[in-house]
Amino acid sequence: MTNGEPSIAFAVGRHEDPAIEVRVNFGVFAGREATPAEIDRLAEWLLDEVASVTIVAEVRHEIGGTVEASVHLVRIEVQRDQAPVDDRERRALEQSLVERADYWARQCIADRHAETADL
């Protein structure tokens, strides 16, 4: 993200399928999970770019000997048959999806933010 702001959404390295995967660290910045209505709004914004998309809202539990954390994550997946074959076009689509997801997350956070102390 520009202006010194941290990135909320980012693309994950290459996959066979899904061809494009974008992750949104929603809970880290929002302090809560994304609501079903927010996921629906994200889908509307993404369907301007792709014919179909999979959106997964999940809570990941990272557990180790000295640490335990729950992470509210939103994953956006575009299957291979929905992604451009040309590498440059695929990267451009990926970047557009990252930008839309980042904007979406920032709008959700501005609308409704849970303070960490409230959790």
Protein backbone atom coordinates (compact mmCIF):
# COMPACT_ATOMS: atom_id res chain seq x y z
CA MET A 1 0.00 0.00 0.00
CA THR A 2 1.22 3.49 -0.71
CA ASN A 3 1.37 6.44 1.70
CA GLY A 4 3.15 4.32 4.29
CA GLU A 5 -0.05 2.41 5.15
CA PRO A 6 0.30 -1.33 5.75
CA SER A 7 -1.12 -3.72 3.17
CA ILE A 8 -4.24 -5.49 4.29
CA ALA A 9 -4.64 -7.59 1.13
CA PHE A 10 -1.88 -9.41 -0.71
CA ALA A 11 -1.46 -12.00 -3.44
CA VAL A 12 -0.12 -15.43 -2.62
CA GLY A 13 2.52 -17.03 -4.84
CA ARG A 14 1.67 -19.04 -7.90
CA HIS A 15 -0.66 -22.00 -7.69
CA GLU A 16 -1.88 -24.52 -10.21
CA ASP A 17 -5.42 -24.10 -8.90
CA PRO A 18 -6.58 -21.65 -7.78
CA ALA A 19 -4.66 -19.65 -10.36
CA ILE A 20 -5.01 -16.52 -8.25
CA GLU A 21 -5.24 -16.36 -4.47
CA VAL A 22 -5.57 -13.11 -2.55
CA ARG A 23 -5.57 -13.05 1.23
CA VAL A 24 -7.00 -10.29 3.38
CA ASN A 25 -5.76 -9.99 6.97
CA PHE A 26 -9.18 -8.78 7.99
CA GLY A 27 -9.16 -9.51 11.70
CA VAL A 28 -5.71 -8.05 12.33
CA PHE A 29 -6.97 -4.63 11.25
CA ALA A 30 -10.71 -4.87 11.98
CA GLY A 31 -10.47 -6.72 15.29
CA ARG A 32 -13.38 -8.91 14.20
CA GLU A 33 -14.61 -11.30 11.52
CA ALA A 34 -16.10 -10.12 8.24
CA THR A 35 -19.91 -10.25 8.23
CA PRO A 36 -21.91 -12.11 5.56
CA ALA A 37 -23.15 -8.76 4.21
CA GLU A 38 -19.57 -7.53 3.90
CA ILE A 39 -18.59 -10.71 2.04
CA ASP A 40 -21.54 -10.15 -0.32
CA ARG A 41 -20.35 -6.58 -0.98
CA LEU A 42 -16.84 -7.87 -1.72
CA ALA A 43 -18.25 -10.40 -4.16
CA GLU A 44 -20.14 -7.66 -6.01
CA TRP A 45 -16.94 -5.62 -6.36
CA LEU A 46 -14.93 -8.61 -7.57
CA LEU A 47 -17.50 -9.78 -10.11
CA ASP A 48 -16.78 -6.62 -12.09
CA GLU A 49 -13.39 -8.20 -12.81
CA VAL A 50 -14.08 -11.96 -13.02
CA ALA A 51 -17.05 -14.14 -13.98
CA SER A 52 -16.84 -16.22 -10.81
CA VAL A 53 -14.84 -16.19 -7.63
CA THR A 54 -14.62 -18.16 -4.39
CA ILE A 55 -14.50 -16.21 -1.14
CA VAL A 56 -13.62 -18.04 2.07
CA ALA A 57 -13.90 -16.32 5.45
CA GLU A 58 -12.03 -18.33 8.03
CA VAL A 59 -10.57 -18.23 11.49
CA ARG A 60 -7.09 -19.71 11.56
CA HIS A 61 -5.57 -20.81 14.83
CA GLU A 62 -1.80 -20.55 15.00
CA ILE A 63 -0.62 -22.60 17.96
CA GLY A 64 2.87 -23.32 19.21
CA GLY A 65 4.68 -24.08 22.43
CA THR A 66 4.82 -20.46 23.53
CA VAL A 67 2.21 -18.73 21.37
CA GLU A 68 -1.43 -19.01 20.44
CA ALA A 69 -3.26 -16.69 18.06
CA SER A 70 -6.53 -16.60 16.15
CA VAL A 71 -6.49 -14.84 12.80
CA HIS A 72 -9.64 -13.79 10.92
CA LEU A 73 -8.70 -14.20 7.27
CA VAL A 74 -10.60 -13.73 4.01
CA ARG A 75 -9.32 -15.68 1.00
CA ILE A 76 -10.26 -14.83 -2.57
CA GLU A 77 -9.69 -17.57 -5.13
CA VAL A 78 -9.96 -17.45 -8.90
CA GLN A 79 -9.85 -20.87 -10.49
CA ARG A 80 -7.59 -21.55 -13.46
CA ASP A 81 -10.45 -21.65 -15.98
CA GLN A 82 -11.50 -18.13 -14.87
CA ALA A 83 -8.02 -16.57 -14.97
CA PRO A 84 -6.27 -15.17 -18.04
CA VAL A 85 -3.81 -17.54 -19.68
CA ASP A 86 -1.36 -14.74 -20.48
CA ASP A 87 0.95 -14.21 -17.49
CA ARG A 88 0.96 -10.43 -17.78
CA GLU A 89 -2.86 -10.29 -17.93
CA ARG A 90 -3.11 -12.69 -14.99
CA ARG A 91 -0.78 -10.51 -12.89
CA ALA A 92 -2.79 -7.40 -13.83
CA LEU A 93 -6.01 -9.13 -12.74
CA GLU A 94 -4.34 -10.28 -9.53
CA GLN A 95 -3.21 -6.72 -8.75
CA SER A 96 -6.68 -5.36 -9.45
CA LEU A 97 -8.22 -7.92 -7.09
CA VAL A 98 -5.67 -7.04 -4.37
CA GLU A 99 -6.53 -3.35 -4.74
CA ARG A 100 -10.28 -3.99 -4.60
CA ALA A 101 -9.92 -6.29 -1.60
CA ASP A 102 -7.76 -3.77 0.23
CA TYR A 103 -10.25 -0.99 -0.46
CA TRP A 104 -13.14 -3.22 0.64
CA ALA A 105 -11.41 -4.10 3.90
CA ARG A 106 -10.65 -0.46 4.67
CA GLN A 107 -14.29 0.47 4.05
CA CYS A 108 -15.48 -2.33 6.36
CA ILE A 109 -13.04 -1.25 9.07
CA ALA A 110 -14.09 2.38 8.78
CA ASP A 111 -17.76 1.37 9.05
CA ARG A 112 -17.35 -0.94 12.04
CA HIS A 113 -14.18 -1.57 14.03
CA ALA A 114 -13.86 -3.68 17.17
CA GLU A 115 -11.22 -2.54 19.60
CA THR A 116 -8.85 -5.31 20.62
CA ALA A 117 -9.59 -4.53 24.26
CA ASP A 118 -13.28 -5.26 23.57
CA LEU A 119 -12.57 -8.80 22.39
